């Protein structure tokens, strides 16, 4: 049965014993804490490129978590990209074109801190973590999710049991003038169904899909 855990949706009945979970956009690990309470024996891969968030994840010292200090991408970057940290805002800009967020939060916004981060592509995810399957992929990567879905191959998709994607609709216009412009029109539900998932919209900006085995 599909249920909501924090922002994302998951069907716990579809999970294997000792499942592999990938948290792309792990932030400070709140979702990981909840998953550890709900799913015994899970192995979690946390993808996060924000330096402050990485430090927080390290401090929490999860025994079952592998931290990947990189950004998950699709087509647009090769090896490294410039990450934008918006000081004063609760948003982090992996693509650095979130002018909409800054405009709406002018009083809170202080400055942008930029630094390079390593990247890896969605179709390299199994090699990156030395795994053969992902039982659940949660993806909240600040606007790059369409790019990842556009780049994902069917071979990759077939090795993912469930996927929950947060679609950042408010920054659509910003993305259209960014390095991710080629994938900005990608329809998440349509793309997931093309890849073989059974997918649908479960909330205002959330898409969920599962792969029949």
N, C-alpha and C. Protein backbone atom coordinates (compact mmCIF):
# COMPACT_ATOMS: atom_id res chain seq x y z
N UNK A 1 0.84 -1.19 0.00
CA UNK A 1 0.00 0.00 0.00
C UNK A 1 0.88 1.25 0.00
N UNK A 2 0.56 2.18 -0.84
CA UNK A 2 1.34 3.41 -0.95
C UNK A 2 1.08 4.30 0.25
N UNK A 3 2.16 4.80 0.86
CA UNK A 3 2.00 5.71 1.98
C UNK A 3 3.01 6.85 1.89
N UNK A 4 2.67 7.94 2.53
CA UNK A 4 3.51 9.13 2.51
C UNK A 4 4.42 9.15 3.73
N UNK A 5 5.70 9.28 3.48
CA UNK A 5 6.68 9.45 4.55
C UNK A 5 7.39 10.76 4.30
N UNK A 6 7.13 11.74 5.18
CA UNK A 6 7.60 13.10 4.95
C UNK A 6 7.01 13.60 3.62
N UNK A 7 7.86 14.05 2.68
CA UNK A 7 7.36 14.59 1.42
C UNK A 7 7.08 13.50 0.39
N UNK A 8 7.77 12.36 0.50
CA UNK A 8 7.75 11.35 -0.55
C UNK A 8 6.87 10.15 -0.24
N UNK A 9 6.58 9.38 -1.31
CA UNK A 9 5.71 8.21 -1.20
C UNK A 9 6.49 6.92 -1.44
N UNK A 10 6.03 5.85 -0.77
CA UNK A 10 6.70 4.56 -0.88
C UNK A 10 5.69 3.45 -0.57
N UNK A 11 5.87 2.31 -1.20
CA UNK A 11 5.07 1.13 -0.90
C UNK A 11 5.99 0.15 -0.17
N UNK A 12 5.88 0.09 1.14
CA UNK A 12 6.77 -0.75 1.94
C UNK A 12 6.56 -2.23 1.66
N UNK A 13 5.37 -2.60 1.20
CA UNK A 13 5.09 -4.01 0.91
C UNK A 13 5.86 -4.51 -0.31
N UNK A 14 6.32 -3.59 -1.16
CA UNK A 14 7.06 -3.96 -2.35
C UNK A 14 8.58 -4.07 -2.09
N UNK A 15 9.00 -3.76 -0.88
CA UNK A 15 10.42 -3.77 -0.57
C UNK A 15 10.91 -5.18 -0.28
N UNK A 16 12.10 -5.51 -0.77
CA UNK A 16 12.74 -6.79 -0.45
C UNK A 16 13.29 -6.74 0.97
N UNK A 17 13.68 -7.89 1.49
CA UNK A 17 14.40 -7.90 2.75
C UNK A 17 15.76 -7.24 2.55
N UNK A 18 16.21 -6.50 3.55
CA UNK A 18 17.50 -5.80 3.48
C UNK A 18 17.63 -4.97 2.19
N UNK A 19 16.69 -4.08 1.96
CA UNK A 19 16.67 -3.33 0.70
C UNK A 19 17.76 -2.28 0.58
N UNK A 20 18.04 -1.93 -0.68
CA UNK A 20 18.99 -0.86 -0.98
C UNK A 20 18.19 0.39 -1.34
N UNK A 21 18.42 1.46 -0.60
CA UNK A 21 17.71 2.72 -0.80
C UNK A 21 18.71 3.80 -1.20
N UNK A 22 18.36 4.57 -2.22
CA UNK A 22 19.20 5.69 -2.62
C UNK A 22 18.45 6.98 -2.35
N UNK A 23 19.02 7.83 -1.52
CA UNK A 23 18.43 9.12 -1.18
C UNK A 23 19.21 10.21 -1.91
N UNK A 24 18.72 10.59 -3.08
CA UNK A 24 19.38 11.61 -3.89
C UNK A 24 18.85 12.98 -3.48
N UNK A 25 19.72 13.75 -2.85
CA UNK A 25 19.30 15.00 -2.23
C UNK A 25 18.99 14.71 -0.77
N UNK A 26 19.96 14.11 -0.09
CA UNK A 26 19.74 13.63 1.28
C UNK A 26 19.64 14.75 2.29
N UNK A 27 20.09 15.93 1.92
CA UNK A 27 20.05 17.10 2.80
C UNK A 27 20.76 16.76 4.12
N UNK A 28 20.08 16.96 5.26
CA UNK A 28 20.72 16.72 6.55
C UNK A 28 20.35 15.38 7.17
N UNK A 29 19.70 14.51 6.38
CA UNK A 29 19.47 13.15 6.83
C UNK A 29 18.17 12.88 7.56
N UNK A 30 17.22 13.80 7.53
CA UNK A 30 15.96 13.59 8.23
C UNK A 30 15.20 12.39 7.66
N UNK A 31 15.17 12.28 6.31
CA UNK A 31 14.47 11.18 5.68
C UNK A 31 15.15 9.85 6.01
N UNK A 32 16.47 9.87 6.08
CA UNK A 32 17.22 8.67 6.43
C UNK A 32 16.86 8.20 7.83
N UNK A 33 16.74 9.13 8.76
CA UNK A 33 16.38 8.77 10.13
C UNK A 33 15.02 8.06 10.17
N UNK A 34 14.07 8.56 9.40
CA UNK A 34 12.73 7.97 9.37
C UNK A 34 12.77 6.58 8.72
N UNK A 35 13.49 6.46 7.61
CA UNK A 35 13.57 5.18 6.92
C UNK A 35 14.24 4.12 7.80
N UNK A 36 15.22 4.52 8.56
CA UNK A 36 15.89 3.57 9.45
C UNK A 36 14.95 3.05 10.54
N UNK A 37 14.01 3.88 10.95
CA UNK A 37 13.03 3.45 11.95
C UNK A 37 11.97 2.53 11.35
N UNK A 38 11.66 2.76 10.06
CA UNK A 38 10.58 2.02 9.42
C UNK A 38 11.03 0.73 8.74
N UNK A 39 12.27 0.69 8.25
CA UNK A 39 12.73 -0.45 7.47
C UNK A 39 13.98 -1.05 8.08
N UNK A 40 13.84 -2.24 8.62
CA UNK A 40 14.97 -2.91 9.26
C UNK A 40 15.92 -3.50 8.21
N UNK A 41 17.19 -3.40 8.48
CA UNK A 41 18.20 -4.01 7.62
C UNK A 41 18.45 -3.30 6.31
N UNK A 42 17.97 -2.08 6.17
CA UNK A 42 18.16 -1.36 4.89
C UNK A 42 19.58 -0.81 4.79
N UNK A 43 20.03 -0.70 3.55
CA UNK A 43 21.32 -0.11 3.24
C UNK A 43 21.03 1.16 2.44
N UNK A 44 21.51 2.30 2.91
CA UNK A 44 21.15 3.58 2.30
C UNK A 44 22.36 4.28 1.70
N UNK A 45 22.20 4.73 0.46
CA UNK A 45 23.20 5.53 -0.23
C UNK A 45 22.71 6.99 -0.24
N UNK A 46 23.41 7.85 0.45
CA UNK A 46 23.01 9.26 0.55
C UNK A 46 23.82 10.11 -0.41
N UNK A 47 23.13 10.72 -1.37
CA UNK A 47 23.80 11.59 -2.35
C UNK A 47 23.56 13.04 -1.94
N UNK A 48 24.62 13.76 -1.68
CA UNK A 48 24.51 15.15 -1.22
C UNK A 48 25.79 15.90 -1.56
N UNK A 49 25.64 17.12 -2.10
CA UNK A 49 26.83 17.89 -2.48
C UNK A 49 26.99 19.19 -1.72
N UNK A 50 26.03 19.51 -0.85
CA UNK A 50 26.14 20.73 -0.04
C UNK A 50 27.08 20.45 1.13
N UNK A 51 28.11 21.28 1.27
CA UNK A 51 29.14 21.03 2.27
C UNK A 51 28.60 20.99 3.69
N UNK A 52 27.71 21.91 4.03
CA UNK A 52 27.15 21.94 5.38
C UNK A 52 26.30 20.70 5.64
N UNK A 53 25.52 20.31 4.66
CA UNK A 53 24.69 19.11 4.82
C UNK A 53 25.55 17.85 4.96
N UNK A 54 26.63 17.79 4.19
CA UNK A 54 27.54 16.64 4.28
C UNK A 54 28.13 16.53 5.68
N UNK A 55 28.52 17.65 6.24
CA UNK A 55 29.09 17.66 7.58
C UNK A 55 28.07 17.16 8.60
N UNK A 56 26.81 17.57 8.44
CA UNK A 56 25.75 17.12 9.34
C UNK A 56 25.53 15.62 9.21
N UNK A 57 25.55 15.11 7.99
CA UNK A 57 25.39 13.67 7.76
C UNK A 57 26.53 12.90 8.43
N UNK A 58 27.74 13.42 8.34
CA UNK A 58 28.88 12.77 8.97
C UNK A 58 28.72 12.73 10.48
N UNK A 59 28.27 13.85 11.04
CA UNK A 59 28.11 13.94 12.49
C UNK A 59 27.07 12.94 13.00
N UNK A 60 26.05 12.65 12.20
CA UNK A 60 25.02 11.71 12.62
C UNK A 60 25.53 10.27 12.60
N UNK A 61 26.59 10.03 11.85
CA UNK A 61 27.31 8.75 11.91
C UNK A 61 26.40 7.53 11.76
N UNK A 62 25.57 7.53 10.71
CA UNK A 62 24.70 6.39 10.45
C UNK A 62 25.55 5.16 10.12
N UNK A 63 25.29 4.05 10.76
CA UNK A 63 26.08 2.85 10.54
C UNK A 63 25.77 2.16 9.21
N UNK A 64 24.59 2.42 8.65
CA UNK A 64 24.16 1.73 7.43
C UNK A 64 24.13 2.65 6.21
N UNK A 65 24.78 3.81 6.31
CA UNK A 65 24.70 4.81 5.25
C UNK A 65 26.07 5.06 4.61
N UNK A 66 26.08 5.06 3.28
CA UNK A 66 27.25 5.46 2.52
C UNK A 66 26.99 6.86 1.97
N UNK A 67 27.86 7.80 2.29
CA UNK A 67 27.67 9.18 1.84
C UNK A 67 28.44 9.41 0.55
N UNK A 68 27.74 9.85 -0.47
CA UNK A 68 28.36 10.20 -1.75
C UNK A 68 28.37 11.72 -1.87
N UNK A 69 29.55 12.33 -1.81
CA UNK A 69 29.68 13.79 -1.79
C UNK A 69 29.76 14.33 -3.22
N UNK A 70 28.73 14.03 -3.98
CA UNK A 70 28.67 14.45 -5.38
C UNK A 70 27.25 14.87 -5.73
N UNK A 71 27.08 15.40 -6.94
CA UNK A 71 25.76 15.76 -7.44
C UNK A 71 25.33 14.74 -8.49
N UNK A 72 24.09 14.28 -8.39
CA UNK A 72 23.55 13.37 -9.39
C UNK A 72 23.04 14.19 -10.57
N UNK A 73 23.46 13.81 -11.78
CA UNK A 73 23.09 14.60 -12.96
C UNK A 73 22.63 13.69 -14.10
N UNK A 74 22.21 14.33 -15.19
CA UNK A 74 21.81 13.60 -16.37
C UNK A 74 22.85 13.77 -17.46
N UNK A 75 22.53 14.63 -18.44
CA UNK A 75 23.42 14.82 -19.58
C UNK A 75 24.39 15.99 -19.45
N UNK A 76 24.00 17.01 -18.71
CA UNK A 76 24.55 18.35 -18.94
C UNK A 76 25.95 18.63 -18.45
N UNK A 77 26.44 17.89 -17.48
CA UNK A 77 27.75 18.21 -16.92
C UNK A 77 28.70 17.03 -17.06
N UNK A 78 29.96 17.31 -17.06
CA UNK A 78 30.96 16.27 -17.20
C UNK A 78 31.98 16.37 -16.08
N UNK A 79 31.82 15.54 -15.06
CA UNK A 79 32.82 15.47 -14.01
C UNK A 79 32.63 16.45 -12.87
N UNK A 80 32.44 17.75 -13.18
CA UNK A 80 32.29 18.76 -12.14
C UNK A 80 31.27 19.79 -12.57
N UNK A 81 30.68 20.47 -11.59
CA UNK A 81 29.75 21.55 -11.86
C UNK A 81 29.86 22.58 -10.74
N UNK A 82 29.34 23.76 -10.97
CA UNK A 82 29.36 24.82 -9.96
C UNK A 82 28.07 24.76 -9.15
N UNK A 83 28.24 24.57 -7.86
CA UNK A 83 27.10 24.51 -6.94
C UNK A 83 26.86 25.89 -6.35
N UNK A 84 25.60 26.25 -6.18
CA UNK A 84 25.24 27.55 -5.63
C UNK A 84 24.52 27.38 -4.30
N UNK A 85 25.09 27.92 -3.24
CA UNK A 85 24.49 27.88 -1.92
C UNK A 85 23.84 29.23 -1.65
N UNK A 86 22.53 29.22 -1.40
CA UNK A 86 21.80 30.47 -1.17
C UNK A 86 21.71 30.73 0.33
N UNK A 87 22.56 31.59 0.84
CA UNK A 87 22.62 31.89 2.27
C UNK A 87 21.38 32.68 2.68
N UNK A 88 20.71 32.17 3.72
CA UNK A 88 19.51 32.83 4.21
C UNK A 88 18.23 32.19 3.72
N UNK A 89 18.34 31.30 2.71
CA UNK A 89 17.16 30.63 2.15
C UNK A 89 17.22 29.14 2.45
N UNK A 90 16.04 28.50 2.51
CA UNK A 90 16.01 27.05 2.77
C UNK A 90 16.26 26.22 1.52
N UNK A 91 16.59 26.90 0.40
CA UNK A 91 16.81 26.20 -0.85
C UNK A 91 18.29 26.17 -1.20
N UNK A 92 18.69 25.10 -1.87
CA UNK A 92 20.06 25.01 -2.38
C UNK A 92 19.98 24.85 -3.88
N UNK A 93 20.83 25.53 -4.61
CA UNK A 93 20.70 25.52 -6.06
C UNK A 93 21.75 24.71 -6.77
N UNK A 94 21.42 23.48 -7.10
CA UNK A 94 22.40 22.64 -7.78
C UNK A 94 22.72 23.12 -9.18
N UNK A 95 21.80 23.87 -9.80
CA UNK A 95 22.08 24.38 -11.14
C UNK A 95 22.33 25.88 -11.14
N UNK A 96 22.02 26.54 -10.04
CA UNK A 96 22.39 27.94 -9.89
C UNK A 96 21.57 28.94 -10.67
N UNK A 97 20.34 28.59 -11.00
CA UNK A 97 19.51 29.52 -11.76
C UNK A 97 18.16 29.76 -11.09
N UNK A 98 18.12 29.63 -9.77
CA UNK A 98 16.87 29.78 -9.04
C UNK A 98 16.57 31.24 -8.71
N UNK A 99 16.47 32.08 -9.71
CA UNK A 99 16.20 33.50 -9.50
C UNK A 99 14.81 33.70 -8.91
N UNK A 100 13.91 32.79 -9.24
CA UNK A 100 12.54 32.89 -8.72
C UNK A 100 12.53 32.82 -7.20
N UNK A 101 13.28 31.89 -6.61
CA UNK A 101 13.33 31.76 -5.16
C UNK A 101 13.90 33.02 -4.51
N UNK A 102 14.96 33.56 -5.11
CA UNK A 102 15.61 34.74 -4.54
C UNK A 102 14.66 35.93 -4.59
N UNK A 103 13.97 36.09 -5.71
CA UNK A 103 13.05 37.22 -5.88
C UNK A 103 11.92 37.17 -4.86
N UNK A 104 11.44 35.97 -4.55
CA UNK A 104 10.32 35.83 -3.62
C UNK A 104 10.76 35.93 -2.16
N UNK A 105 12.06 35.84 -1.92
CA UNK A 105 12.57 35.88 -0.55
C UNK A 105 13.68 36.93 -0.41
N UNK A 106 13.45 38.09 -0.99
CA UNK A 106 14.47 39.15 -1.02
C UNK A 106 14.96 39.52 0.37
N UNK A 107 14.07 39.62 1.33
CA UNK A 107 14.46 40.05 2.68
C UNK A 107 15.33 39.01 3.39
N UNK A 108 15.08 37.74 3.12
CA UNK A 108 15.83 36.67 3.79
C UNK A 108 17.15 36.37 3.09
N UNK A 109 17.17 36.60 1.78
CA UNK A 109 18.36 36.26 1.00
C UNK A 109 19.54 37.16 1.35
N UNK A 110 20.72 36.53 1.55
CA UNK A 110 21.91 37.28 1.93
C UNK A 110 22.98 37.28 0.84
N UNK A 111 23.34 36.09 0.38
CA UNK A 111 24.38 36.01 -0.64
C UNK A 111 24.39 34.62 -1.27
N UNK A 112 25.14 34.51 -2.38
CA UNK A 112 25.33 33.23 -3.03
C UNK A 112 26.79 32.81 -2.85
N UNK A 113 27.00 31.62 -2.34
CA UNK A 113 28.34 31.06 -2.22
C UNK A 113 28.48 29.98 -3.28
N UNK A 114 29.49 30.11 -4.13
CA UNK A 114 29.67 29.17 -5.23
C UNK A 114 30.93 28.33 -5.04
N UNK A 115 30.80 27.05 -5.33
CA UNK A 115 31.98 26.18 -5.31
C UNK A 115 31.74 24.98 -6.21
N UNK A 116 32.84 24.42 -6.69
CA UNK A 116 32.74 23.27 -7.59
C UNK A 116 32.48 21.99 -6.81
N UNK A 117 31.65 21.12 -7.40
CA UNK A 117 31.40 19.81 -6.81
C UNK A 117 31.56 18.75 -7.90
N UNK A 118 31.89 17.55 -7.49
CA UNK A 118 31.97 16.44 -8.43
C UNK A 118 30.57 15.96 -8.79
N UNK A 119 30.45 15.37 -9.96
CA UNK A 119 29.16 14.85 -10.41
C UNK A 119 29.31 13.41 -10.89
N UNK A 120 28.18 12.73 -10.99
CA UNK A 120 28.15 11.44 -11.68
C UNK A 120 26.77 11.26 -12.30
N UNK A 121 26.69 10.50 -13.37
CA UNK A 121 25.45 10.35 -14.12
C UNK A 121 24.57 9.23 -13.58
N UNK A 122 23.28 9.34 -13.81
CA UNK A 122 22.32 8.36 -13.32
C UNK A 122 22.63 6.96 -13.83
N UNK A 123 23.14 6.84 -15.03
CA UNK A 123 23.40 5.51 -15.58
C UNK A 123 24.71 4.90 -15.07
N UNK A 124 25.42 5.66 -14.23
CA UNK A 124 26.63 5.15 -13.58
C UNK A 124 26.38 4.85 -12.10
N UNK A 125 25.13 4.93 -11.67
CA UNK A 125 24.82 4.86 -10.25
C UNK A 125 25.16 3.51 -9.63
N UNK A 126 25.01 2.43 -10.39
CA UNK A 126 25.30 1.10 -9.85
C UNK A 126 26.80 0.89 -9.68
N UNK A 127 27.56 1.42 -10.61
CA UNK A 127 29.02 1.36 -10.50
C UNK A 127 29.51 2.25 -9.37
N UNK A 128 28.91 3.42 -9.24
CA UNK A 128 29.31 4.38 -8.20
C UNK A 128 29.22 3.76 -6.81
N UNK A 129 28.16 2.99 -6.57
CA UNK A 129 27.94 2.41 -5.24
C UNK A 129 28.27 0.92 -5.16
N UNK A 130 28.69 0.35 -6.27
CA UNK A 130 28.99 -1.09 -6.31
C UNK A 130 27.79 -1.92 -5.85
N UNK A 131 26.64 -1.66 -6.46
CA UNK A 131 25.40 -2.38 -6.17
C UNK A 131 24.82 -2.88 -7.48
N UNK A 132 23.91 -3.85 -7.41
CA UNK A 132 23.32 -4.37 -8.64
C UNK A 132 21.85 -3.99 -8.80
N UNK A 133 21.26 -3.45 -7.73
CA UNK A 133 19.85 -3.07 -7.80
C UNK A 133 19.53 -2.01 -6.76
N UNK A 134 18.52 -1.18 -7.07
CA UNK A 134 18.02 -0.18 -6.13
C UNK A 134 16.55 -0.51 -5.86
N UNK A 135 16.22 -0.73 -4.61
CA UNK A 135 14.83 -1.03 -4.27
C UNK A 135 13.97 0.23 -4.25
N UNK A 136 14.57 1.34 -3.83
CA UNK A 136 13.80 2.59 -3.75
C UNK A 136 14.74 3.76 -4.00
N UNK A 137 14.37 4.59 -4.96
CA UNK A 137 15.14 5.80 -5.27
C UNK A 137 14.27 7.01 -4.97
N UNK A 138 14.69 7.79 -3.99
CA UNK A 138 14.02 9.05 -3.67
C UNK A 138 14.87 10.18 -4.26
N UNK A 139 14.26 11.03 -5.04
CA UNK A 139 15.03 12.06 -5.75
C UNK A 139 14.43 13.45 -5.52
N UNK A 140 15.21 14.29 -4.87
CA UNK A 140 14.84 15.69 -4.63
C UNK A 140 16.11 16.51 -4.83
N UNK A 141 16.39 16.85 -6.09
CA UNK A 141 17.70 17.41 -6.44
C UNK A 141 17.59 18.80 -7.07
N UNK A 142 16.68 19.59 -6.52
CA UNK A 142 16.62 21.03 -6.78
C UNK A 142 16.57 21.41 -8.26
N UNK A 143 15.74 20.74 -9.02
CA UNK A 143 15.53 21.14 -10.41
C UNK A 143 16.20 20.27 -11.45
N UNK A 144 17.12 19.40 -11.04
CA UNK A 144 17.84 18.56 -12.00
C UNK A 144 17.14 17.23 -12.26
N UNK A 145 15.99 17.02 -11.63
CA UNK A 145 15.33 15.72 -11.75
C UNK A 145 14.87 15.41 -13.18
N UNK A 146 14.40 16.39 -13.91
CA UNK A 146 13.98 16.14 -15.30
C UNK A 146 15.17 15.72 -16.15
N UNK A 147 16.30 16.33 -15.91
CA UNK A 147 17.51 16.00 -16.65
C UNK A 147 17.93 14.56 -16.39
N UNK A 148 17.82 14.14 -15.14
CA UNK A 148 18.16 12.76 -14.78
C UNK A 148 17.20 11.77 -15.46
N UNK A 149 15.91 12.08 -15.42
CA UNK A 149 14.94 11.19 -16.04
C UNK A 149 15.12 11.12 -17.56
N UNK A 150 15.44 12.25 -18.17
CA UNK A 150 15.65 12.27 -19.62
C UNK A 150 16.85 11.43 -20.01
N UNK A 151 17.87 11.41 -19.15
CA UNK A 151 19.09 10.67 -19.46
C UNK A 151 19.02 9.19 -19.08
N UNK A 152 18.12 8.85 -18.19
CA UNK A 152 18.03 7.47 -17.70
C UNK A 152 17.71 6.51 -18.84
N UNK A 153 18.43 5.40 -18.90
CA UNK A 153 18.17 4.38 -19.91
C UNK A 153 17.20 3.34 -19.35
N UNK A 154 16.62 2.54 -20.23
CA UNK A 154 15.73 1.48 -19.78
C UNK A 154 16.49 0.42 -19.00
N UNK A 155 17.75 0.22 -19.36
CA UNK A 155 18.59 -0.74 -18.65
C UNK A 155 18.75 -0.32 -17.18
N UNK A 156 18.93 0.97 -16.96
CA UNK A 156 19.03 1.49 -15.60
C UNK A 156 17.69 1.38 -14.88
N UNK A 157 16.62 1.78 -15.55
CA UNK A 157 15.29 1.78 -14.95
C UNK A 157 14.85 0.39 -14.49
N UNK A 158 15.19 -0.62 -15.27
CA UNK A 158 14.79 -1.98 -14.94
C UNK A 158 15.41 -2.49 -13.65
N UNK A 159 16.42 -1.80 -13.16
CA UNK A 159 17.10 -2.22 -11.93
C UNK A 159 16.68 -1.36 -10.73
N UNK A 160 15.59 -0.60 -10.90
CA UNK A 160 15.04 0.24 -9.83
C UNK A 160 13.62 -0.20 -9.53
N UNK A 161 13.36 -0.58 -8.28
CA UNK A 161 12.05 -1.10 -7.91
C UNK A 161 10.99 -0.02 -7.79
N UNK A 162 11.29 1.05 -7.06
CA UNK A 162 10.36 2.16 -6.87
C UNK A 162 11.12 3.47 -6.98
N UNK A 163 10.41 4.51 -7.41
CA UNK A 163 11.03 5.82 -7.53
C UNK A 163 10.03 6.89 -7.12
N UNK A 164 10.50 7.85 -6.34
CA UNK A 164 9.68 8.99 -5.93
C UNK A 164 10.45 10.25 -6.28
N UNK A 165 9.83 11.11 -7.09
CA UNK A 165 10.53 12.27 -7.63
C UNK A 165 9.81 13.57 -7.26
N UNK A 166 10.56 14.51 -6.73
CA UNK A 166 10.04 15.84 -6.45
C UNK A 166 10.34 16.73 -7.65
N UNK A 167 9.28 17.26 -8.29
CA UNK A 167 9.43 18.09 -9.47
C UNK A 167 9.37 19.56 -9.07
N UNK A 168 10.42 20.30 -9.37
CA UNK A 168 10.50 21.71 -8.98
C UNK A 168 9.88 22.60 -10.05
N UNK A 169 8.57 22.74 -9.97
CA UNK A 169 7.82 23.48 -11.00
C UNK A 169 7.99 25.00 -10.90
N UNK A 170 8.25 25.51 -9.71
CA UNK A 170 8.32 26.96 -9.54
C UNK A 170 9.50 27.60 -10.26
N UNK A 171 10.54 26.82 -10.52
CA UNK A 171 11.72 27.39 -11.17
C UNK A 171 11.83 26.96 -12.64
N UNK A 172 10.69 26.63 -13.23
CA UNK A 172 10.67 26.18 -14.63
C UNK A 172 11.33 27.20 -15.55
N UNK A 173 10.98 28.47 -15.40
CA UNK A 173 11.53 29.51 -16.27
C UNK A 173 13.03 29.68 -16.06
N UNK A 174 13.49 29.53 -14.83
CA UNK A 174 14.92 29.63 -14.54
C UNK A 174 15.68 28.49 -15.21
N UNK A 175 15.12 27.29 -15.14
CA UNK A 175 15.77 26.13 -15.74
C UNK A 175 15.84 26.25 -17.26
N UNK A 176 14.85 26.92 -17.84
CA UNK A 176 14.80 27.08 -19.29
C UNK A 176 15.97 27.91 -19.82
N UNK A 177 16.61 28.69 -18.95
CA UNK A 177 17.77 29.48 -19.37
C UNK A 177 19.06 28.98 -18.72
N UNK A 178 19.02 27.74 -18.26
CA UNK A 178 20.16 27.15 -17.57
C UNK A 178 20.80 26.06 -18.42
N UNK A 179 21.88 25.45 -17.94
CA UNK A 179 22.47 24.32 -18.68
C UNK A 179 21.53 23.13 -18.80
N UNK A 180 20.42 23.14 -18.06
CA UNK A 180 19.45 22.05 -18.11
C UNK A 180 18.29 22.33 -19.07
N UNK A 181 18.44 23.34 -19.91
CA UNK A 181 17.34 23.77 -20.76
C UNK A 181 16.85 22.70 -21.73
N UNK A 182 17.72 21.78 -22.13
CA UNK A 182 17.31 20.75 -23.10
C UNK A 182 16.33 19.75 -22.52
N UNK A 183 16.31 19.63 -21.21
CA UNK A 183 15.43 18.64 -20.59
C UNK A 183 14.28 19.27 -19.81
N UNK A 184 14.18 20.59 -19.82
CA UNK A 184 13.19 21.27 -18.98
C UNK A 184 11.75 20.92 -19.35
N UNK A 185 11.52 20.52 -20.60
CA UNK A 185 10.17 20.19 -21.02
C UNK A 185 9.82 18.71 -20.82
N UNK A 186 10.74 17.96 -20.26
CA UNK A 186 10.50 16.54 -20.02
C UNK A 186 9.33 16.36 -19.05
N UNK A 187 8.35 15.58 -19.45
CA UNK A 187 7.22 15.26 -18.59
C UNK A 187 7.60 14.05 -17.73
N UNK A 188 7.66 14.24 -16.43
CA UNK A 188 8.17 13.20 -15.54
C UNK A 188 7.33 11.91 -15.61
N UNK A 189 6.03 12.05 -15.59
CA UNK A 189 5.16 10.87 -15.61
C UNK A 189 5.29 10.13 -16.94
N UNK A 190 5.23 10.88 -18.02
CA UNK A 190 5.36 10.27 -19.34
C UNK A 190 6.70 9.56 -19.49
N UNK A 191 7.77 10.22 -19.03
CA UNK A 191 9.10 9.64 -19.16
C UNK A 191 9.23 8.36 -18.33
N UNK A 192 8.73 8.38 -17.12
CA UNK A 192 8.80 7.19 -16.27
C UNK A 192 8.03 6.02 -16.89
N UNK A 193 6.88 6.31 -17.46
CA UNK A 193 6.11 5.26 -18.12
C UNK A 193 6.83 4.73 -19.36
N UNK A 194 7.52 5.63 -20.08
CA UNK A 194 8.31 5.20 -21.23
C UNK A 194 9.43 4.25 -20.81
N UNK A 195 9.96 4.48 -19.62
CA UNK A 195 11.06 3.66 -19.10
C UNK A 195 10.59 2.32 -18.55
N UNK A 196 9.28 2.15 -18.45
CA UNK A 196 8.75 0.88 -17.98
C UNK A 196 8.11 0.91 -16.60
N UNK A 197 8.18 2.05 -15.93
CA UNK A 197 7.52 2.18 -14.63
C UNK A 197 6.01 2.34 -14.82
N UNK A 198 5.27 1.99 -13.81
CA UNK A 198 3.87 2.39 -13.71
C UNK A 198 3.88 3.62 -12.83
N UNK A 199 3.62 4.79 -13.42
CA UNK A 199 3.84 6.04 -12.71
C UNK A 199 2.61 6.94 -12.75
N UNK A 200 2.48 7.76 -11.72
CA UNK A 200 1.39 8.72 -11.68
C UNK A 200 1.74 9.84 -10.69
N UNK A 201 0.98 10.91 -10.78
CA UNK A 201 1.16 12.06 -9.90
C UNK A 201 0.47 11.77 -8.58
N UNK A 202 1.20 11.85 -7.47
CA UNK A 202 0.62 11.53 -6.17
C UNK A 202 0.38 12.77 -5.31
N UNK A 203 0.96 13.89 -5.70
CA UNK A 203 0.76 15.15 -4.99
C UNK A 203 1.08 16.28 -5.97
N UNK A 204 0.96 17.51 -5.49
CA UNK A 204 1.09 18.67 -6.38
C UNK A 204 2.38 18.66 -7.18
N UNK A 205 3.49 18.33 -6.56
CA UNK A 205 4.76 18.30 -7.30
C UNK A 205 5.52 16.99 -7.11
N UNK A 206 4.78 15.93 -6.83
CA UNK A 206 5.41 14.64 -6.58
C UNK A 206 4.91 13.58 -7.55
N UNK A 207 5.85 12.80 -8.07
CA UNK A 207 5.55 11.70 -8.97
C UNK A 207 6.11 10.41 -8.37
N UNK A 208 5.32 9.35 -8.45
CA UNK A 208 5.75 8.05 -7.93
C UNK A 208 5.62 7.00 -9.03
N UNK A 209 6.54 6.05 -9.04
CA UNK A 209 6.44 4.96 -10.00
C UNK A 209 7.03 3.69 -9.45
N UNK A 210 6.55 2.54 -9.93
CA UNK A 210 7.14 1.28 -9.53
C UNK A 210 7.35 0.41 -10.77
N UNK A 211 8.29 -0.48 -10.66
CA UNK A 211 8.63 -1.37 -11.77
C UNK A 211 8.14 -2.77 -11.43
N UNK A 212 7.30 -3.32 -12.30
CA UNK A 212 6.83 -4.70 -12.11
C UNK A 212 7.99 -5.67 -12.37
N UNK A 213 8.17 -6.61 -11.48
CA UNK A 213 9.24 -7.59 -11.62
C UNK A 213 8.70 -8.82 -12.33
